[in-house]
PDB file of N, CA and C in Angstrom:
ATOM      1  N   MET A   1      13.650 -41.711   0.983  1.00  0.00           N
ATOM      2  CA  MET A   1      12.254 -41.376   1.173  1.00  0.00           C
ATOM      3  C   MET A   1      12.027 -39.878   1.021  1.00  0.00           C
ATOM      4  N   GLU A   2      12.935 -39.056   1.576  1.00  0.00           N
ATOM      5  CA  GLU A   2      12.791 -37.606   1.471  1.00  0.00           C
ATOM      6  C   GLU A   2      12.881 -37.142   0.016  1.00  0.00           C
ATOM      7  N   ILE A   3      13.769 -37.742  -0.739  1.00  0.00           N
ATOM      8  CA  ILE A   3      13.958 -37.347  -2.135  1.00  0.00           C
ATOM      9  C   ILE A   3      12.702 -37.641  -2.946  1.00  0.00           C
ATOM     10  N   ILE A   4      12.064 -38.770  -2.716  1.00  0.00           N
ATOM     11  CA  ILE A   4      10.840 -39.134  -3.437  1.00  0.00           C
ATOM     12  C   ILE A   4       9.726 -38.153  -3.086  1.00  0.00           C
ATOM     13  N   LEU A   5       9.611 -37.784  -1.818  1.00  0.00           N
ATOM     14  CA  LEU A   5       8.585 -36.834  -1.398  1.00  0.00           C
ATOM     15  C   LEU A   5       8.815 -35.458  -2.040  1.00  0.00           C
ATOM     16  N   ILE A   6      10.052 -35.019  -2.090  1.00  0.00           N
ATOM     17  CA  ILE A   6      10.374 -33.736  -2.726  1.00  0.00           C
ATOM     18  C   ILE A   6      10.061 -33.791  -4.220  1.00  0.00           C
ATOM     19  N   GLU A   7      10.413 -34.907  -4.852  1.00  0.00           N
ATOM     20  CA  GLU A   7      10.138 -35.057  -6.279  1.00  0.00           C
ATOM     21  C   GLU A   7       8.641 -35.055  -6.556  1.00  0.00           C
ATOM     22  N   LEU A   8       7.855 -35.725  -5.724  1.00  0.00           N
ATOM     23  CA  LEU A   8       6.399 -35.736  -5.897  1.00  0.00           C
ATOM     24  C   LEU A   8       5.810 -34.337  -5.723  1.00  0.00           C
ATOM     25  N   LEU A   9       6.319 -33.591  -4.745  1.00  0.00           N
ATOM     26  CA  LEU A   9       5.848 -32.220  -4.554  1.00  0.00           C
ATOM     27  C   LEU A   9       6.194 -31.334  -5.756  1.00  0.00           C
ATOM     28  N   LEU A  10       7.383 -31.509  -6.301  1.00  0.00           N
ATOM     29  CA  LEU A  10       7.767 -30.739  -7.482  1.00  0.00           C
ATOM     30  C   LEU A  10       6.883 -31.077  -8.686  1.00  0.00           C
ATOM     31  N   TRP A  11       6.592 -32.379  -8.875  1.00  0.00           N
ATOM     32  CA  TRP A  11       5.707 -32.785  -9.974  1.00  0.00           C
ATOM     33  C   TRP A  11       4.300 -32.221  -9.774  1.00  0.00           C
ATOM     34  N   ALA A  12       3.807 -32.252  -8.558  1.00  0.00           N
ATOM     35  CA  ALA A  12       2.473 -31.708  -8.276  1.00  0.00           C
ATOM     36  C   ALA A  12       2.447 -30.205  -8.558  1.00  0.00           C
ATOM     37  N   GLY A  13       3.495 -29.503  -8.179  1.00  0.00           N
ATOM     38  CA  GLY A  13       3.567 -28.068  -8.457  1.00  0.00           C
ATOM     39  C   GLY A  13       3.626 -27.778  -9.953  1.00  0.00           C
ATOM     40  N   LEU A  14       4.368 -28.594 -10.683  1.00  0.00           N
ATOM     41  CA  LEU A  14       4.462 -28.418 -12.128  1.00  0.00           C
ATOM     42  C   LEU A  14       3.117 -28.676 -12.801  1.00  0.00           C
ATOM     43  N   ILE A  15       2.426 -29.712 -12.379  1.00  0.00           N
ATOM     44  CA  ILE A  15       1.100 -30.017 -12.933  1.00  0.00           C
ATOM     45  C   ILE A  15       0.128 -28.888 -12.615  1.00  0.00           C
ATOM     46  N   PHE A  16       0.171 -28.372 -11.385  1.00  0.00           N
ATOM     47  CA  PHE A  16      -0.701 -27.256 -11.018  1.00  0.00           C
ATOM     48  C   PHE A  16      -0.381 -26.027 -11.861  1.00  0.00           C
ATOM     49  N   PHE A  17       0.907 -25.761 -12.093  1.00  0.00           N
ATOM     50  CA  PHE A  17       1.316 -24.620 -12.910  1.00  0.00           C
ATOM     51  C   PHE A  17       0.768 -24.735 -14.331  1.00  0.00           C
ATOM     52  N   PHE A  18       0.909 -25.911 -14.950  1.00  0.00           N
ATOM     53  CA  PHE A  18       0.396 -26.105 -16.310  1.00  0.00           C
ATOM     54  C   PHE A  18      -1.124 -25.996 -16.357  1.00  0.00           C
ATOM     55  N   TRP A  19      -1.809 -26.503 -15.334  1.00  0.00           N
ATOM     56  CA  TRP A  19      -3.273 -26.404 -15.289  1.00  0.00           C
ATOM     57  C   TRP A  19      -3.703 -24.934 -15.201  1.00  0.00           C
ATOM     58  N   ALA A  20      -3.028 -24.155 -14.348  1.00  0.00           N
ATOM     59  CA  ALA A  20      -3.361 -22.736 -14.205  1.00  0.00           C
ATOM     60  C   ALA A  20      -3.041 -21.967 -15.491  1.00  0.00           C
ATOM     61  N   LEU A  21      -1.949 -22.303 -16.138  1.00  0.00           N
ATOM     62  CA  LEU A  21      -1.579 -21.663 -17.393  1.00  0.00           C
ATOM     63  C   LEU A  21      -2.616 -21.947 -18.474  1.00  0.00           C
ATOM     64  N   ARG A  22      -3.051 -23.191 -18.588  1.00  0.00           N
ATOM     65  CA  ARG A  22      -4.064 -23.573 -19.573  1.00  0.00           C
ATOM     66  C   ARG A  22      -5.374 -22.841 -19.303  1.00  0.00           C
ATOM     67  N   ASP A  23      -5.766 -22.763 -18.055  1.00  0.00           N
ATOM     68  CA  ASP A  23      -7.009 -22.081 -17.689  1.00  0.00           C
ATOM     69  C   ASP A  23      -6.931 -20.590 -18.032  1.00  0.00           C
ATOM     70  N   GLY A  24      -5.813 -19.975 -17.731  1.00  0.00           N
ATOM     71  CA  GLY A  24      -5.636 -18.555 -18.047  1.00  0.00           C
ATOM     72  C   GLY A  24      -5.645 -18.289 -19.546  1.00  0.00           C
ATOM     73  N   LEU A  25      -5.004 -19.157 -20.322  1.00  0.00           N
ATOM     74  CA  LEU A  25      -5.000 -18.984 -21.771  1.00  0.00           C
ATOM     75  C   LEU A  25      -6.387 -19.188 -22.357  1.00  0.00           C
ATOM     76  N   ASN A  26      -7.151 -20.125 -21.815  1.00  0.00           N
ATOM     77  CA  ASN A  26      -8.526 -20.322 -22.286  1.00  0.00           C
ATOM     78  C   ASN A  26      -9.374 -19.082 -22.019  1.00  0.00           C
ATOM     79  N   GLN A  27      -9.198 -18.457 -20.864  1.00  0.00           N
ATOM     80  CA  GLN A  27      -9.949 -17.238 -20.551  1.00  0.00           C
ATOM     81  C   GLN A  27      -9.537 -16.089 -21.472  1.00  0.00           C
ATOM     82  N   ALA A  28      -8.246 -15.974 -21.747  1.00  0.00           N
ATOM     83  CA  ALA A  28      -7.767 -14.915 -22.641  1.00  0.00           C
ATOM     84  C   ALA A  28      -8.316 -15.113 -24.052  1.00  0.00           C
ATOM     85  N   GLU A  29      -8.358 -16.353 -24.509  1.00  0.00           N
ATOM     86  CA  GLU A  29      -8.905 -16.637 -25.838  1.00  0.00           C
ATOM     87  C   GLU A  29     -10.388 -16.299 -25.903  1.00  0.00           C
ATOM     88  N   ALA A  30     -11.131 -16.631 -24.853  1.00  0.00           N
ATOM     89  CA  ALA A  30     -12.559 -16.317 -24.815  1.00  0.00           C
ATOM     90  C   ALA A  30     -12.777 -14.804 -24.841  1.00  0.00           C
ATOM     91  N   GLU A  31     -11.942 -14.039 -24.139  1.00  0.00           N
ATOM     92  CA  GLU A  31     -12.048 -12.578 -24.153  1.00  0.00           C
ATOM     93  C   GLU A  31     -11.766 -12.020 -25.545  1.00  0.00           C
ATOM     94  N   MET A  32     -10.751 -12.554 -26.212  1.00  0.00           N
ATOM     95  CA  MET A  32     -10.423 -12.078 -27.552  1.00  0.00           C
ATOM     96  C   MET A  32     -11.546 -12.387 -28.528  1.00  0.00           C
ATOM     97  N   GLU A  33     -12.136 -13.559 -28.435  1.00  0.00           N
ATOM     98  CA  GLU A  33     -13.240 -13.921 -29.321  1.00  0.00           C
ATOM     99  C   GLU A  33     -14.463 -13.052 -29.057  1.00  0.00           C
ATOM    100  N   LYS A  34     -14.663 -12.671 -27.800  1.00  0.00           N
ATOM    101  CA  LYS A  34     -15.809 -11.836 -27.453  1.00  0.00           C
ATOM    102  C   LYS A  34     -15.667 -10.447 -28.064  1.00  0.00           C
ATOM    103  N   HIS A  35     -14.441  -9.927 -28.137  1.00  0.00           N
ATOM    104  CA  HIS A  35     -14.202  -8.587 -28.657  1.00  0.00           C
ATOM    105  C   HIS A  35     -13.865  -8.580 -30.144  1.00  0.00           C
ATOM    106  N   GLU A  36     -13.934  -9.726 -30.798  1.00  0.00           N
ATOM    107  CA  GLU A  36     -13.607  -9.815 -32.214  1.00  0.00           C
ATOM    108  C   GLU A  36     -14.673  -9.122 -33.050  1.00  0.00           C
ATOM    109  N   LEU A  37     -14.226  -8.442 -34.135  1.00  0.00           N
ATOM    110  CA  LEU A  37     -15.165  -7.765 -35.025  1.00  0.00           C
ATOM    111  C   LEU A  37     -15.998  -8.783 -35.790  1.00  0.00           C
ATOM    112  N   PRO A  38     -17.265  -8.470 -36.043  1.00  0.00           N
ATOM    113  CA  PRO A  38     -18.055  -9.346 -36.907  1.00  0.00           C
ATOM    114  C   PRO A  38     -17.435  -9.399 -38.299  1.00  0.00           C
ATOM    115  N   GLN A  39     -17.669 -10.478 -39.008  1.00  0.00           N
ATOM    116  CA  GLN A  39     -17.038 -10.703 -40.302  1.00  0.00           C
ATOM    117  C   GLN A  39     -17.378  -9.601 -41.312  1.00  0.00           C
ATOM    118  N   GLU A  40     -18.599  -9.047 -41.260  1.00  0.00           N
ATOM    119  CA  GLU A  40     -18.965  -8.027 -42.244  1.00  0.00           C
ATOM    120  C   GLU A  40     -18.237  -6.709 -42.017  1.00  0.00           C
ATOM    121  N   HIS A  41     -17.671  -6.490 -40.819  1.00  0.00           N
ATOM    122  CA  HIS A  41     -16.943  -5.259 -40.533  1.00  0.00           C
ATOM    123  C   HIS A  41     -15.432  -5.437 -40.652  1.00  0.00           C
ATOM    124  N   ALA A  42     -14.974  -6.642 -40.887  1.00  0.00           N
ATOM    125  CA  ALA A  42     -13.539  -6.894 -40.977  1.00  0.00           C
ATOM    126  C   ALA A  42     -12.980  -6.295 -42.265  1.00  0.00           C
ATOM    127  N   ILE A  43     -11.754  -5.800 -42.205  1.00  0.00           N
ATOM    128  CA  ILE A  43     -11.098  -5.204 -43.362  1.00  0.00           C
ATOM    129  C   ILE A  43     -10.266  -6.277 -44.039  1.00  0.00           C
ATOM    130  N   SER A  44     -10.442  -6.409 -45.323  1.00  0.00           N
ATOM    131  CA  SER A  44      -9.671  -7.386 -46.078  1.00  0.00           C
ATOM    132  C   SER A  44      -8.319  -6.786 -46.437  1.00  0.00           C
ATOM    133  N   LEU A  45      -7.253  -7.533 -46.194  1.00  0.00           N
ATOM    134  CA  LEU A  45      -5.925  -7.071 -46.554  1.00  0.00           C
ATOM    135  C   LEU A  45      -5.610  -7.359 -48.015  1.00  0.00           C
ATOM    136  N   LEU A  46      -6.343  -8.277 -48.603  1.00  0.00           N
ATOM    137  CA  LEU A  46      -6.129  -8.594 -49.998  1.00  0.00           C
ATOM    138  C   LEU A  46      -6.908  -7.616 -50.870  1.00  0.00           C
ATOM    139  N   PRO A  47      -6.296  -7.139 -51.937  1.00  0.00           N
ATOM    140  CA  PRO A  47      -7.021  -6.197 -52.787  1.00  0.00           C
ATOM    141  C   PRO A  47      -8.129  -6.895 -53.549  1.00  0.00           C
ATOM    142  N   SER A  48      -9.215  -6.177 -53.795  1.00  0.00           N
ATOM    143  CA  SER A  48     -10.258  -6.724 -54.653  1.00  0.00           C
ATOM    144  C   SER A  48      -9.887  -6.335 -56.076  1.00  0.00           C
ATOM    145  N   PHE A  49      -9.964  -7.279 -56.972  1.00  0.00           N
ATOM    146  CA  PHE A  49      -9.536  -7.038 -58.338  1.00  0.00           C
ATOM    147  C   PHE A  49     -10.681  -6.470 -59.164  1.00  0.00           C
ATOM    148  N   ASP A  50     -10.356  -5.470 -59.970  1.00  0.00           N
ATOM    149  CA  ASP A  50     -11.326  -4.852 -60.873  1.00  0.00           C
ATOM    150  C   ASP A  50     -11.260  -5.552 -62.220  1.00  0.00           C
ATOM    151  N   ARG A  51     -12.345  -5.417 -62.991  1.00  0.00           N
ATOM    152  CA  ARG A  51     -12.378  -5.963 -64.350  1.00  0.00           C
ATOM    153  C   ARG A  51     -12.444  -4.796 -65.327  1.00  0.00           C
ATOM    154  N   PRO A  52     -11.410  -4.654 -66.158  1.00  0.00           N
ATOM    155  CA  PRO A  52     -11.415  -3.543 -67.110  1.00  0.00           C
ATOM    156  C   PRO A  52     -12.423  -3.783 -68.236  1.00  0.00           C
ATOM    157  N   ASP A  53     -12.950  -2.676 -68.774  1.00  0.00           N
ATOM    158  CA  ASP A  53     -13.852  -2.770 -69.921  1.00  0.00           C
ATOM    159  C   ASP A  53     -13.066  -3.084 -71.188  1.00  0.00           C
ATOM    160  N   ARG A  54     -11.894  -2.478 -71.302  1.00  0.00           N
ATOM    161  CA  ARG A  54     -11.077  -2.648 -72.502  1.00  0.00           C
ATOM    162  C   ARG A  54      -9.612  -2.468 -72.132  1.00  0.00           C
ATOM    163  N   LEU A  55      -8.719  -3.168 -72.848  1.00  0.00           N
ATOM    164  CA  LEU A  55      -7.275  -3.073 -72.627  1.00  0.00           C
ATOM    165  C   LEU A  55      -6.601  -2.759 -73.954  1.00  0.00           C
ATOM    166  N   SER A  56      -5.520  -1.969 -73.913  1.00  0.00           N
ATOM    167  CA  SER A  56      -4.798  -1.686 -75.156  1.00  0.00           C
ATOM    168  C   SER A  56      -3.307  -1.530 -74.889  1.00  0.00           C
ATOM    169  N   GLU A  57      -2.519  -1.741 -75.933  1.00  0.00           N
ATOM    170  CA  GLU A  57      -1.062  -1.612 -75.944  1.00  0.00           C
ATOM    171  C   GLU A  57      -0.359  -2.544 -74.954  1.00  0.00           C
ATOM    172  N   PRO A  58      -0.230  -3.830 -75.293  1.00  0.00           N
ATOM    173  CA  PRO A  58       0.507  -4.738 -74.406  1.00  0.00           C
ATOM    174  C   PRO A  58       1.977  -4.312 -74.290  1.00  0.00           C
ATOM    175  N   ILE A  59       2.494  -4.327 -73.059  1.00  0.00           N
ATOM    176  CA  ILE A  59       3.884  -3.897 -72.838  1.00  0.00           C
ATOM    177  C   ILE A  59       4.729  -4.939 -72.109  1.00  0.00           C
ATOM    178  N   GLY A  60       4.138  -6.022 -71.638  1.00  0.00           N
ATOM    179  CA  GLY A  60       4.922  -7.033 -70.940  1.00  0.00           C
ATOM    180  C   GLY A  60       4.048  -8.091 -70.296  1.00  0.00           C
ATOM    181  N   ARG A  61       4.696  -8.919 -69.463  1.00  0.00           N
ATOM    182  CA  ARG A  61       3.977  -9.999 -68.789  1.00  0.00           C
ATOM    183  C   ARG A  61       4.384 -10.043 -67.322  1.00  0.00           C
ATOM    184  N   TYR A  62       3.458 -10.499 -66.481  1.00  0.00           N
ATOM    185  CA  TYR A  62       3.732 -10.708 -65.059  1.00  0.00           C
ATOM    186  C   TYR A  62       2.870 -11.868 -64.593  1.00  0.00           C
ATOM    187  N   ARG A  63       3.504 -12.909 -64.055  1.00  0.00           N
ATOM    188  CA  ARG A  63       2.796 -14.100 -63.556  1.00  0.00           C
ATOM    189  C   ARG A  63       1.789 -14.622 -64.576  1.00  0.00           C
ATOM    190  N   ASP A  64       2.243 -14.822 -65.776  1.00  0.00           N
ATOM    191  CA  ASP A  64       1.426 -15.350 -66.876  1.00  0.00           C
ATOM    192  C   ASP A  64       0.239 -14.469 -67.223  1.00  0.00           C
ATOM    193  N   ALA A  65       0.274 -13.204 -66.880  1.00  0.00           N
ATOM    194  CA  ALA A  65      -0.780 -12.258 -67.253  1.00  0.00           C
ATOM    195  C   ALA A  65      -0.152 -11.155 -68.100  1.00  0.00           C
ATOM    196  N   GLN A  66      -0.863 -10.761 -69.124  1.00  0.00           N
ATOM    197  CA  GLN A  66      -0.392  -9.690 -69.999  1.00  0.00           C
ATOM    198  C   GLN A  66      -0.539  -8.342 -69.292  1.00  0.00           C
ATOM    199  N   ILE A  67       0.481  -7.501 -69.396  1.00  0.00           N
ATOM    200  CA  ILE A  67       0.423  -6.136 -68.860  1.00  0.00           C
ATOM    201  C   ILE A  67       0.129  -5.207 -70.033  1.00  0.00           C
ATOM    202  N   TYR A  68      -0.871  -4.370 -69.869  1.00  0.00           N
ATOM    203  CA  TYR A  68      -1.239  -3.410 -70.906  1.00  0.00           C
ATOM    204  C   TYR A  68      -0.931  -1.997 -70.422  1.00  0.00           C
ATOM    205  N   ARG A  69      -0.538  -1.131 -71.362  1.00  0.00           N
ATOM    206  CA  ARG A  69      -0.222   0.250 -71.007  1.00  0.00           C
ATOM    207  C   ARG A  69      -1.472   1.002 -70.556  1.00  0.00           C
ATOM    208  N   ILE A  70      -2.601   0.780 -71.238  1.00  0.00           N
ATOM    209  CA  ILE A  70      -3.839   1.495 -70.951  1.00  0.00           C
ATOM    210  C   ILE A  70      -4.956   0.494 -70.670  1.00  0.00           C
ATOM    211  N   ALA A  71      -5.722   0.762 -69.625  1.00  0.00           N
ATOM    212  CA  ALA A  71      -6.919  -0.023 -69.306  1.00  0.00           C
ATOM    213  C   ALA A  71      -8.071   0.954 -69.116  1.00  0.00           C
ATOM    214  N   PHE A  72      -9.238   0.558 -69.580  1.00  0.00           N
ATOM    215  CA  PHE A  72     -10.420   1.413 -69.460  1.00  0.00           C
ATOM    216  C   PHE A  72     -11.384   0.808 -68.450  1.00  0.00           C
ATOM    217  N   PHE A  73     -11.758   1.602 -67.463  1.00  0.00           N
ATOM    218  CA  PHE A  73     -12.733   1.216 -66.451  1.00  0.00           C
ATOM    219  C   PHE A  73     -13.856   2.248 -66.481  1.00  0.00           C
ATOM    220  N   GLU A  74     -15.064   1.803 -66.691  1.00  0.00           N
ATOM    221  CA  GLU A  74     -16.238   2.684 -66.698  1.00  0.00           C
ATOM    222  C   GLU A  74     -16.036   3.891 -67.613  1.00  0.00           C
ATOM    223  N   GLY A  75     -15.420   3.649 -68.772  1.00  0.00           N
ATOM    224  CA  GLY A  75     -15.225   4.696 -69.764  1.00  0.00           C
ATOM    225  C   GLY A  75     -14.060   5.628 -69.505  1.00  0.00           C
ATOM    226  N   LYS A  76     -13.314   5.432 -68.428  1.00  0.00           N
ATOM    227  CA  LYS A  76     -12.175   6.296 -68.102  1.00  0.00           C
ATOM    228  C   LYS A  76     -10.876   5.532 -68.335  1.00  0.00           C
ATOM    229  N   ALA A  77      -9.863   6.243 -68.843  1.00  0.00           N
ATOM    230  CA  ALA A  77      -8.576   5.628 -69.152  1.00  0.00           C
ATOM    231  C   ALA A  77      -7.673   5.628 -67.922  1.00  0.00           C
ATOM    232  N   TYR A  78      -7.003   4.500 -67.718  1.00  0.00           N
ATOM    233  CA  TYR A  78      -6.038   4.341 -66.631  1.00  0.00           C
ATOM    234  C   TYR A  78      -4.740   3.823 -67.237  1.00  0.00           C
ATOM    235  N   GLN A  79      -3.608   4.324 -66.767  1.00  0.00           N
ATOM    236  CA  GLN A  79      -2.306   3.909 -67.271  1.00  0.00           C
ATOM    237  C   GLN A  79      -1.628   2.999 -66.254  1.00  0.00           C
ATOM    238  N   PHE A  80      -0.894   1.984 -66.782  1.00  0.00           N
ATOM    239  CA  PHE A  80      -0.193   1.057 -65.894  1.00  0.00           C
ATOM    240  C   PHE A  80       0.788   1.827 -65.029  1.00  0.00           C
ATOM    241  N   GLN A  81       0.741   1.560 -63.708  1.00  0.00           N
ATOM    242  CA  GLN A  81       1.582   2.283 -62.753  1.00  0.00           C
ATOM    243  C   GLN A  81       2.670   1.386 -62.162  1.00  0.00           C
ATOM    244  N   HIS A  82       2.260   0.288 -61.524  1.00  0.00           N
ATOM    245  CA  HIS A  82       3.216  -0.608 -60.883  1.00  0.00           C
ATOM    246  C   HIS A  82       2.540  -1.942 -60.573  1.00  0.00           C
ATOM    247  N   ILE A  83       3.335  -2.852 -60.031  1.00  0.00           N
ATOM    248  CA  ILE A  83       2.830  -4.169 -59.638  1.00  0.00           C
ATOM    249  C   ILE A  83       2.684  -4.194 -58.127  1.00  0.00           C
ATOM    250  N   LEU A  84       1.566  -4.720 -57.667  1.00  0.00           N
ATOM    251  CA  LEU A  84       1.317  -4.890 -56.237  1.00  0.00           C
ATOM    252  C   LEU A  84       1.661  -6.342 -55.896  1.00  0.00           C
ATOM    253  N   PRO A  85       2.846  -6.605 -55.295  1.00  0.00           N
ATOM    254  CA  PRO A  85       3.245  -7.987 -55.012  1.00  0.00           C
ATOM    255  C   PRO A  85       2.260  -8.685 -54.078  1.00  0.00           C
ATOM    256  N   TRP A  86       2.113  -9.966 -54.252  1.00  0.00           N
ATOM    257  CA  TRP A  86       1.176 -10.759 -53.452  1.00  0.00           C
ATOM    258  C   TRP A  86       1.553 -10.719 -51.984  1.00  0.00           C
ATOM    259  N   GLU A  87       2.855 -10.638 -51.690  1.00  0.00           N
ATOM    260  CA  GLU A  87       3.323 -10.698 -50.307  1.00  0.00           C
ATOM    261  C   GLU A  87       3.162  -9.364 -49.580  1.00  0.00           C
ATOM    262  N   SER A  88       2.973  -8.281 -50.328  1.00  0.00           N
ATOM    263  CA  SER A  88       2.930  -6.970 -49.678  1.00  0.00           C
ATOM    264  C   SER A  88       1.551  -6.695 -49.109  1.00  0.00           C
ATOM    265  N   PHE A  89       1.515  -5.821 -48.141  1.00  0.00           N
ATOM    266  CA  PHE A  89       0.255  -5.400 -47.541  1.00  0.00           C
ATOM    267  C   PHE A  89      -0.017  -3.949 -47.922  1.00  0.00           C
ATOM    268  N   SER A  90       0.338  -3.603 -49.149  1.00  0.00           N
ATOM    269  CA  SER A  90       0.117  -2.248 -49.636  1.00  0.00           C
ATOM    270  C   SER A  90      -1.357  -2.034 -49.932  1.00  0.00           C
ATOM    271  N   PHE A  91      -1.748  -0.788 -49.910  1.00  0.00           N
ATOM    272  CA  PHE A  91      -3.121  -0.434 -50.222  1.00  0.00           C
ATOM    273  C   PHE A  91      -3.127   0.471 -51.444  1.00  0.00           C
ATOM    274  N   LEU A  92      -4.235   0.480 -52.145  1.00  0.00           N
ATOM    275  CA  LEU A  92      -4.386   1.356 -53.294  1.00  0.00           C
ATOM    276  C   LEU A  92      -4.760   2.751 -52.815  1.00  0.00           C
ATOM    277  N   VAL A  93      -4.284   3.747 -53.538  1.00  0.00           N
ATOM    278  CA  VAL A  93      -4.660   5.121 -53.218  1.00  0.00           C
ATOM    279  C   VAL A  93      -5.799   5.536 -54.138  1.00  0.00           C
ATOM    280  N   ALA A  94      -6.382   6.685 -53.871  1.00  0.00           N
ATOM    281  CA  ALA A  94      -7.500   7.168 -54.681  1.00  0.00           C
ATOM    282  C   ALA A  94      -7.060   7.316 -56.130  1.00  0.00           C
ATOM    283  N   GLY A  95      -7.900   6.883 -57.039  1.00  0.00           N
ATOM    284  CA  GLY A  95      -7.598   6.982 -58.458  1.00  0.00           C
ATOM    285  C   GLY A  95      -6.835   5.803 -59.012  1.00  0.00           C
ATOM    286  N   GLU A  96      -6.608   4.777 -58.213  1.00  0.00           N
ATOM    287  CA  GLU A  96      -5.921   3.575 -58.681  1.00  0.00           C
ATOM    288  C   GLU A  96      -6.892   2.412 -58.746  1.00  0.00           C
ATOM    289  N   ARG A  97      -6.666   1.537 -59.724  1.00  0.00           N
ATOM    290  CA  ARG A  97      -7.450   0.318 -59.876  1.00  0.00           C
ATOM    291  C   ARG A  97      -6.468  -0.841 -59.982  1.00  0.00           C
ATOM    292  N   CYS A  98      -6.866  -2.012 -59.513  1.00  0.00           N
ATOM    293  CA  CYS A  98      -5.993  -3.184 -59.517  1.00  0.00           C
ATOM    294  C   CYS A  98      -6.693  -4.327 -60.238  1.00  0.00           C
ATOM    295  N   ILE A  99      -5.990  -4.937 -61.198  1.00  0.00           N
ATOM    296  CA  ILE A  99      -6.532  -6.116 -61.862  1.00  0.00           C
ATOM    297  C   ILE A  99      -5.620  -7.294 -61.552  1.00  0.00           C
ATOM    298  N   ALA A 100      -6.184  -8.496 -61.611  1.00  0.00           N
ATOM    299  CA  ALA A 100      -5.434  -9.706 -61.289  1.00  0.00           C
ATOM    300  C   ALA A 100      -4.265  -9.838 -62.250  1.00  0.00           C
ATOM    301  N   PRO A 101      -3.115 -10.254 -61.812  1.00  0.00           N
ATOM    302  CA  PRO A 101      -2.686 -10.724 -60.496  1.00  0.00           C
ATOM    303  C   PRO A 101      -1.985  -9.667 -59.657  1.00  0.00           C
ATOM    304  N   GLY A 102      -2.428  -8.420 -59.701  1.00  0.00           N
ATOM    305  CA  GLY A 102      -1.829  -7.354 -58.907  1.00  0.00           C
ATOM    306  C   GLY A 102      -1.261  -6.228 -59.747  1.00  0.00           C
ATOM    307  N   LEU A 103      -1.825  -6.021 -60.930  1.00  0.00           N
ATOM    308  CA  LEU A 103      -1.379  -4.938 -61.805  1.00  0.00           C
ATOM    309  C   LEU A 103      -2.158  -3.677 -61.451  1.00  0.00           C
ATOM    310  N   VAL A 104      -1.437  -2.631 -61.061  1.00  0.00           N
ATOM    311  CA  VAL A 104      -2.080  -1.401 -60.599  1.00  0.00           C
ATOM    312  C   VAL A 104      -2.057  -0.362 -61.719  1.00  0.00           C
ATOM    313  N   TYR A 105      -3.213   0.215 -61.963  1.00  0.00           N
ATOM    314  CA  TYR A 105      -3.375   1.250 -62.980  1.00  0.00           C
ATOM    315  C   TYR A 105      -3.838   2.532 -62.302  1.00  0.00           C
ATOM    316  N   ALA A 106      -3.245   3.670 -62.718  1.00  0.00           N
ATOM    317  CA  ALA A 106      -3.610   4.982 -62.170  1.00  0.00           C
ATOM    318  C   ALA A 106      -4.385   5.758 -63.229  1.00  0.00           C
ATOM    319  N   MET A 107      -5.327   6.572 -62.778  1.00  0.00           N
ATOM    320  CA  MET A 107      -6.155   7.349 -63.691  1.00  0.00           C
ATOM    321  C   MET A 107      -5.283   8.325 -64.477  1.00  0.00           C
ATOM    322  N   CYS A 108      -5.516   8.384 -65.782  1.00  0.00           N
ATOM    323  CA  CYS A 108      -4.765   9.306 -66.643  1.00  0.00           C
ATOM    324  C   CYS A 108      -5.187  10.736 -66.351  1.00  0.00           C
ATOM    325  N   ALA A 109      -4.249  11.666 -66.522  1.00  0.00           N
ATOM    326  CA  ALA A 109      -4.505  13.071 -66.205  1.00  0.00           C
ATOM    327  C   ALA A 109      -5.449  13.730 -67.200  1.00  0.00           C
ATOM    328  N   ASP A 110      -5.460  13.269 -68.453  1.00  0.00           N
ATOM    329  CA  ASP A 110      -6.294  13.941 -69.456  1.00  0.00           C
ATOM    330  C   ASP A 110      -7.699  13.542 -69.398  1.00  0.00           C
TER     331      ASP A 110
END
């Protein structure tokens, strides 16, 4: 009889523990949602792809896309710099443009 009573008390304590844990996690989730940034202010980790006006001098391929040595954006020449892998969280620096599927072009010096 004593063993059954002890076991019932342990089960009741475990159920109370899980109930309190669930309640606390629900409150934490509500707090996080309350402090979440609105969607228009969120920063996208994925690069936005630019559309070149003109491309010249094919030099290779990447993910079924042709890589060109020179790309023209808004009348300015950009030279192929590197590939921005899909898995990376890299950002573009000033003077760089990215076209799908992650080909990065840097503004030419001339």
